[in-house]
């Protein structure tokens, strides 16, 4: 991988942020997919991310 200049600046509540887009496969159940994403976000926030001073926040939900 090579580092490049960012193509956009992302901010959340005036804080610089990183956006990650999850795309479900064609035909995948949207409710199951969103449930899985919620679980993954909870696990990452509980274990891996705090040590790095990071927090993940879901900002979009296809089931709403």
PDB file of N, CA and C in Angstrom:
ATOM      1  N   UNK A   1       0.841  -1.186   0.000  1.00  0.00           N
ATOM      2  CA  UNK A   1       0.000   0.000   0.000  1.00  0.00           C
ATOM      3  C   UNK A   1       0.882   1.243   0.000  1.00  0.00           C
ATOM      4  N   UNK A   2       0.415   2.256  -0.668  1.00  0.00           N
ATOM      5  CA  UNK A   2       1.130   3.525  -0.694  1.00  0.00           C
ATOM      6  C   UNK A   2       0.266   4.593  -0.035  1.00  0.00           C
ATOM      7  N   UNK A   3       0.897   5.503   0.663  1.00  0.00           N
ATOM      8  CA  UNK A   3       0.175   6.604   1.278  1.00  0.00           C
ATOM      9  C   UNK A   3      -0.028   7.700   0.247  1.00  0.00           C
ATOM     10  N   UNK A   4      -1.220   8.256   0.236  1.00  0.00           N
ATOM     11  CA  UNK A   4      -1.523   9.359  -0.670  1.00  0.00           C
ATOM     12  C   UNK A   4      -2.197  10.472   0.114  1.00  0.00           C
ATOM     13  N   UNK A   5      -2.261  11.626  -0.481  1.00  0.00           N
ATOM     14  CA  UNK A   5      -2.978  12.722   0.152  1.00  0.00           C
ATOM     15  C   UNK A   5      -4.465  12.392   0.183  1.00  0.00           C
ATOM     16  N   UNK A   6      -5.154  12.755   1.264  1.00  0.00           N
ATOM     17  CA  UNK A   6      -6.595  12.450   1.327  1.00  0.00           C
ATOM     18  C   UNK A   6      -7.370  13.177   0.241  1.00  0.00           C
ATOM     19  N   UNK A   7      -8.390  12.512  -0.275  1.00  0.00           N
ATOM     20  CA  UNK A   7      -9.236  13.116  -1.302  1.00  0.00           C
ATOM     21  C   UNK A   7     -10.345  13.963  -0.710  1.00  0.00           C
ATOM     22  N   UNK A   8     -10.586  13.823   0.612  1.00  0.00           N
ATOM     23  CA  UNK A   8     -11.629  14.588   1.290  1.00  0.00           C
ATOM     24  C   UNK A   8     -11.262  14.718   2.762  1.00  0.00           C
ATOM     25  N   UNK A   9     -11.848  15.670   3.407  1.00  0.00           N
ATOM     26  CA  UNK A   9     -11.678  15.859   4.847  1.00  0.00           C
ATOM     27  C   UNK A   9     -12.989  15.470   5.515  1.00  0.00           C
ATOM     28  N   UNK A  10     -12.937  14.517   6.446  1.00  0.00           N
ATOM     29  CA  UNK A  10     -14.124  14.036   7.141  1.00  0.00           C
ATOM     30  C   UNK A  10     -14.082  14.554   8.571  1.00  0.00           C
ATOM     31  N   UNK A  11     -15.196  15.101   9.041  1.00  0.00           N
ATOM     32  CA  UNK A  11     -15.297  15.585  10.410  1.00  0.00           C
ATOM     33  C   UNK A  11     -16.614  15.098  10.999  1.00  0.00           C
ATOM     34  N   UNK A  12     -16.598  14.803  12.294  1.00  0.00           N
ATOM     35  CA  UNK A  12     -17.798  14.426  13.029  1.00  0.00           C
ATOM     36  C   UNK A  12     -17.810  15.240  14.312  1.00  0.00           C
ATOM     37  N   UNK A  13     -18.810  16.082  14.471  1.00  0.00           N
ATOM     38  CA  UNK A  13     -18.884  16.978  15.624  1.00  0.00           C
ATOM     39  C   UNK A  13     -17.598  17.790  15.749  1.00  0.00           C
ATOM     40  N   UNK A  14     -17.133  18.314  14.650  1.00  0.00           N
ATOM     41  CA  UNK A  14     -15.957  19.184  14.554  1.00  0.00           C
ATOM     42  C   UNK A  14     -14.641  18.461  14.852  1.00  0.00           C
ATOM     43  N   UNK A  15     -14.659  17.140  14.884  1.00  0.00           N
ATOM     44  CA  UNK A  15     -13.453  16.361  15.147  1.00  0.00           C
ATOM     45  C   UNK A  15     -13.030  15.642  13.865  1.00  0.00           C
ATOM     46  N   UNK A  16     -11.751  15.736  13.494  1.00  0.00           N
ATOM     47  CA  UNK A  16     -11.301  14.978  12.320  1.00  0.00           C
ATOM     48  C   UNK A  16     -11.614  13.495  12.505  1.00  0.00           C
ATOM     49  N   UNK A  17     -12.120  12.873  11.460  1.00  0.00           N
ATOM     50  CA  UNK A  17     -12.576  11.486  11.554  1.00  0.00           C
ATOM     51  C   UNK A  17     -12.157  10.694  10.326  1.00  0.00           C
ATOM     52  N   UNK A  18     -12.325   9.392  10.423  1.00  0.00           N
ATOM     53  CA  UNK A  18     -12.091   8.488   9.312  1.00  0.00           C
ATOM     54  C   UNK A  18     -13.428   7.819   9.001  1.00  0.00           C
ATOM     55  N   UNK A  19     -13.816   7.800   7.746  1.00  0.00           N
ATOM     56  CA  UNK A  19     -15.070   7.150   7.345  1.00  0.00           C
ATOM     57  C   UNK A  19     -14.755   5.804   6.713  1.00  0.00           C
ATOM     58  N   UNK A  20     -15.519   4.792   7.113  1.00  0.00           N
ATOM     59  CA  UNK A  20     -15.383   3.455   6.561  1.00  0.00           C
ATOM     60  C   UNK A  20     -16.747   3.046   6.018  1.00  0.00           C
ATOM     61  N   UNK A  21     -16.778   2.645   4.785  1.00  0.00           N
ATOM     62  CA  UNK A  21     -18.034   2.270   4.145  1.00  0.00           C
ATOM     63  C   UNK A  21     -18.121   0.751   4.057  1.00  0.00           C
ATOM     64  N   UNK A  22     -19.211   0.186   4.576  1.00  0.00           N
ATOM     65  CA  UNK A  22     -19.461  -1.250   4.461  1.00  0.00           C
ATOM     66  C   UNK A  22     -20.553  -1.449   3.424  1.00  0.00           C
ATOM     67  N   UNK A  23     -20.317  -2.317   2.461  1.00  0.00           N
ATOM     68  CA  UNK A  23     -21.284  -2.589   1.403  1.00  0.00           C
ATOM     69  C   UNK A  23     -21.676  -4.056   1.483  1.00  0.00           C
ATOM     70  N   UNK A  24     -22.969  -4.298   1.615  1.00  0.00           N
ATOM     71  CA  UNK A  24     -23.417  -5.697   1.709  1.00  0.00           C
ATOM     72  C   UNK A  24     -23.464  -6.320   0.313  1.00  0.00           C
ATOM     73  N   UNK A  25     -23.289  -7.622   0.291  1.00  0.00           N
ATOM     74  CA  UNK A  25     -23.336  -8.347  -0.973  1.00  0.00           C
ATOM     75  C   UNK A  25     -24.751  -8.359  -1.526  1.00  0.00           C
ATOM     76  N   UNK A  26     -24.885  -8.415  -2.828  1.00  0.00           N
ATOM     77  CA  UNK A  26     -26.190  -8.500  -3.466  1.00  0.00           C
ATOM     78  C   UNK A  26     -26.927  -9.726  -2.940  1.00  0.00           C
ATOM     79  N   UNK A  27     -28.160  -9.528  -2.502  1.00  0.00           N
ATOM     80  CA  UNK A  27     -28.972 -10.618  -1.983  1.00  0.00           C
ATOM     81  C   UNK A  27     -28.827 -10.859  -0.498  1.00  0.00           C
ATOM     82  N   UNK A  28     -27.838 -10.217   0.147  1.00  0.00           N
ATOM     83  CA  UNK A  28     -27.652 -10.410   1.586  1.00  0.00           C
ATOM     84  C   UNK A  28     -28.793  -9.751   2.346  1.00  0.00           C
ATOM     85  N   UNK A  29     -29.194 -10.362   3.444  1.00  0.00           N
ATOM     86  CA  UNK A  29     -30.277  -9.838   4.271  1.00  0.00           C
ATOM     87  C   UNK A  29     -29.806  -8.570   4.970  1.00  0.00           C
ATOM     88  N   UNK A  30     -30.495  -7.459   4.725  1.00  0.00           N
ATOM     89  CA  UNK A  30     -30.063  -6.172   5.271  1.00  0.00           C
ATOM     90  C   UNK A  30     -30.137  -6.144   6.794  1.00  0.00           C
ATOM     91  N   UNK A  31     -31.139  -6.778   7.379  1.00  0.00           N
ATOM     92  CA  UNK A  31     -31.268  -6.777   8.838  1.00  0.00           C
ATOM     93  C   UNK A  31     -30.137  -7.564   9.479  1.00  0.00           C
ATOM     94  N   UNK A  32     -29.822  -8.731   8.933  1.00  0.00           N
ATOM     95  CA  UNK A  32     -28.712  -9.529   9.470  1.00  0.00           C
ATOM     96  C   UNK A  32     -27.387  -8.803   9.292  1.00  0.00           C
ATOM     97  N   UNK A  33     -27.211  -8.158   8.153  1.00  0.00           N
ATOM     98  CA  UNK A  33     -25.973  -7.430   7.885  1.00  0.00           C
ATOM     99  C   UNK A  33     -25.789  -6.295   8.888  1.00  0.00           C
ATOM    100  N   UNK A  34     -26.838  -5.505   9.108  1.00  0.00           N
ATOM    101  CA  UNK A  34     -26.736  -4.380  10.041  1.00  0.00           C
ATOM    102  C   UNK A  34     -26.542  -4.870  11.472  1.00  0.00           C
ATOM    103  N   UNK A  35     -27.197  -5.972  11.843  1.00  0.00           N
ATOM    104  CA  UNK A  35     -26.983  -6.552  13.173  1.00  0.00           C
ATOM    105  C   UNK A  35     -25.519  -6.951  13.349  1.00  0.00           C
ATOM    106  N   UNK A  36     -24.945  -7.571  12.315  1.00  0.00           N
ATOM    107  CA  UNK A  36     -23.540  -7.966  12.370  1.00  0.00           C
ATOM    108  C   UNK A  36     -22.607  -6.769  12.491  1.00  0.00           C
ATOM    109  N   UNK A  37     -22.931  -5.694  11.793  1.00  0.00           N
ATOM    110  CA  UNK A  37     -22.115  -4.481  11.892  1.00  0.00           C
ATOM    111  C   UNK A  37     -22.195  -3.881  13.294  1.00  0.00           C
ATOM    112  N   UNK A  38     -23.387  -3.875  13.892  1.00  0.00           N
ATOM    113  CA  UNK A  38     -23.529  -3.343  15.256  1.00  0.00           C
ATOM    114  C   UNK A  38     -22.682  -4.140  16.246  1.00  0.00           C
ATOM    115  N   UNK A  39     -22.713  -5.453  16.115  1.00  0.00           N
ATOM    116  CA  UNK A  39     -21.919  -6.320  16.999  1.00  0.00           C
ATOM    117  C   UNK A  39     -20.428  -6.034  16.802  1.00  0.00           C
ATOM    118  N   UNK A  40     -19.993  -5.909  15.558  1.00  0.00           N
ATOM    119  CA  UNK A  40     -18.577  -5.648  15.273  1.00  0.00           C
ATOM    120  C   UNK A  40     -18.139  -4.321  15.864  1.00  0.00           C
ATOM    121  N   UNK A  41     -18.968  -3.299  15.749  1.00  0.00           N
ATOM    122  CA  UNK A  41     -18.633  -1.977  16.307  1.00  0.00           C
ATOM    123  C   UNK A  41     -18.517  -2.070  17.825  1.00  0.00           C
ATOM    124  N   UNK A  42     -19.463  -2.755  18.469  1.00  0.00           N
ATOM    125  CA  UNK A  42     -19.409  -2.924  19.929  1.00  0.00           C
ATOM    126  C   UNK A  42     -18.130  -3.637  20.359  1.00  0.00           C
ATOM    127  N   UNK A  43     -17.773  -4.714  19.661  1.00  0.00           N
ATOM    128  CA  UNK A  43     -16.569  -5.472  20.009  1.00  0.00           C
ATOM    129  C   UNK A  43     -15.311  -4.640  19.821  1.00  0.00           C
ATOM    130  N   UNK A  44     -15.222  -3.923  18.721  1.00  0.00           N
ATOM    131  CA  UNK A  44     -14.050  -3.082  18.476  1.00  0.00           C
ATOM    132  C   UNK A  44     -13.929  -1.994  19.532  1.00  0.00           C
ATOM    133  N   UNK A  45     -15.038  -1.371  19.903  1.00  0.00           N
ATOM    134  CA  UNK A  45     -15.011  -0.318  20.921  1.00  0.00           C
ATOM    135  C   UNK A  45     -14.698  -0.860  22.308  1.00  0.00           C
ATOM    136  N   UNK A  46     -15.018  -2.112  22.559  1.00  0.00           N
ATOM    137  CA  UNK A  46     -14.761  -2.714  23.866  1.00  0.00           C
ATOM    138  C   UNK A  46     -13.336  -3.237  24.001  1.00  0.00           C
ATOM    139  N   UNK A  47     -12.704  -3.606  22.873  1.00  0.00           N
ATOM    140  CA  UNK A  47     -11.416  -4.282  22.970  1.00  0.00           C
ATOM    141  C   UNK A  47     -10.269  -3.554  22.288  1.00  0.00           C
ATOM    142  N   UNK A  48     -10.292  -3.507  20.989  1.00  0.00           N
ATOM    143  CA  UNK A  48      -9.116  -3.080  20.224  1.00  0.00           C
ATOM    144  C   UNK A  48      -8.917  -1.572  20.161  1.00  0.00           C
ATOM    145  N   UNK A  49      -9.970  -0.823  20.028  1.00  0.00           N
ATOM    146  CA  UNK A  49      -9.822   0.602  19.740  1.00  0.00           C
ATOM    147  C   UNK A  49      -9.418   1.481  20.930  1.00  0.00           C
ATOM    148  N   UNK A  50      -9.896   1.233  22.158  1.00  0.00           N
ATOM    149  CA  UNK A  50      -9.524   2.126  23.259  1.00  0.00           C
ATOM    150  C   UNK A  50      -8.013   2.261  23.485  1.00  0.00           C
ATOM    151  N   UNK A  51      -7.280   1.186  23.297  1.00  0.00           N
ATOM    152  CA  UNK A  51      -5.829   1.239  23.504  1.00  0.00           C
ATOM    153  C   UNK A  51      -5.160   2.197  22.522  1.00  0.00           C
ATOM    154  N   UNK A  52      -5.782   2.391  21.369  1.00  0.00           N
ATOM    155  CA  UNK A  52      -5.243   3.308  20.363  1.00  0.00           C
ATOM    156  C   UNK A  52      -5.850   4.702  20.494  1.00  0.00           C
ATOM    157  N   UNK A  53      -6.721   4.901  21.503  1.00  0.00           N
ATOM    158  CA  UNK A  53      -7.367   6.189  21.680  1.00  0.00           C
ATOM    159  C   UNK A  53      -8.430   6.464  20.634  1.00  0.00           C
ATOM    160  N   UNK A  54      -9.021   5.386  20.097  1.00  0.00           N
ATOM    161  CA  UNK A  54     -10.017   5.519  19.040  1.00  0.00           C
ATOM    162  C   UNK A  54     -11.378   5.017  19.489  1.00  0.00           C
ATOM    163  N   UNK A  55     -12.412   5.475  18.801  1.00  0.00           N
ATOM    164  CA  UNK A  55     -13.774   5.002  19.036  1.00  0.00           C
ATOM    165  C   UNK A  55     -14.487   4.944  17.698  1.00  0.00           C
ATOM    166  N   UNK A  56     -15.232   3.867  17.483  1.00  0.00           N
ATOM    167  CA  UNK A  56     -15.988   3.725  16.241  1.00  0.00           C
ATOM    168  C   UNK A  56     -17.446   4.061  16.523  1.00  0.00           C
ATOM    169  N   UNK A  57     -18.067   4.776  15.586  1.00  0.00           N
ATOM    170  CA  UNK A  57     -19.453   5.190  15.728  1.00  0.00           C
ATOM    171  C   UNK A  57     -20.184   4.922  14.425  1.00  0.00           C
ATOM    172  N   UNK A  58     -21.308   4.242  14.508  1.00  0.00           N
ATOM    173  CA  UNK A  58     -22.132   3.975  13.326  1.00  0.00           C
ATOM    174  C   UNK A  58     -22.977   5.216  13.063  1.00  0.00           C
ATOM    175  N   UNK A  59     -22.906   5.736  11.840  1.00  0.00           N
ATOM    176  CA  UNK A  59     -23.642   6.951  11.518  1.00  0.00           C
ATOM    177  C   UNK A  59     -24.751   6.733  10.494  1.00  0.00           C
ATOM    178  N   UNK A  60     -24.888   5.515   9.987  1.00  0.00           N
ATOM    179  CA  UNK A  60     -25.922   5.219   9.013  1.00  0.00           C
ATOM    180  C   UNK A  60     -26.441   3.804   9.260  1.00  0.00           C
ATOM    181  N   UNK A  61     -27.753   3.625   9.083  1.00  0.00           N
ATOM    182  CA  UNK A  61     -28.365   2.329   9.292  1.00  0.00           C
ATOM    183  C   UNK A  61     -29.449   2.125   8.227  1.00  0.00           C
ATOM    184  N   UNK A  62     -29.274   1.134   7.381  1.00  0.00           N
ATOM    185  CA  UNK A  62     -30.243   0.868   6.312  1.00  0.00           C
ATOM    186  C   UNK A  62     -31.575   0.354   6.817  1.00  0.00           C
ATOM    187  N   UNK A  63     -31.650  -0.069   8.078  1.00  0.00           N
ATOM    188  CA  UNK A  63     -32.895  -0.642   8.580  1.00  0.00           C
ATOM    189  C   UNK A  63     -33.826   0.414   9.149  1.00  0.00           C
ATOM    190  N   UNK A  64     -33.405   1.643   9.230  1.00  0.00           N
ATOM    191  CA  UNK A  64     -34.243   2.718   9.782  1.00  0.00           C
ATOM    192  C   UNK A  64     -34.963   3.415   8.658  1.00  0.00           C
TER     193      UNK A  64
END
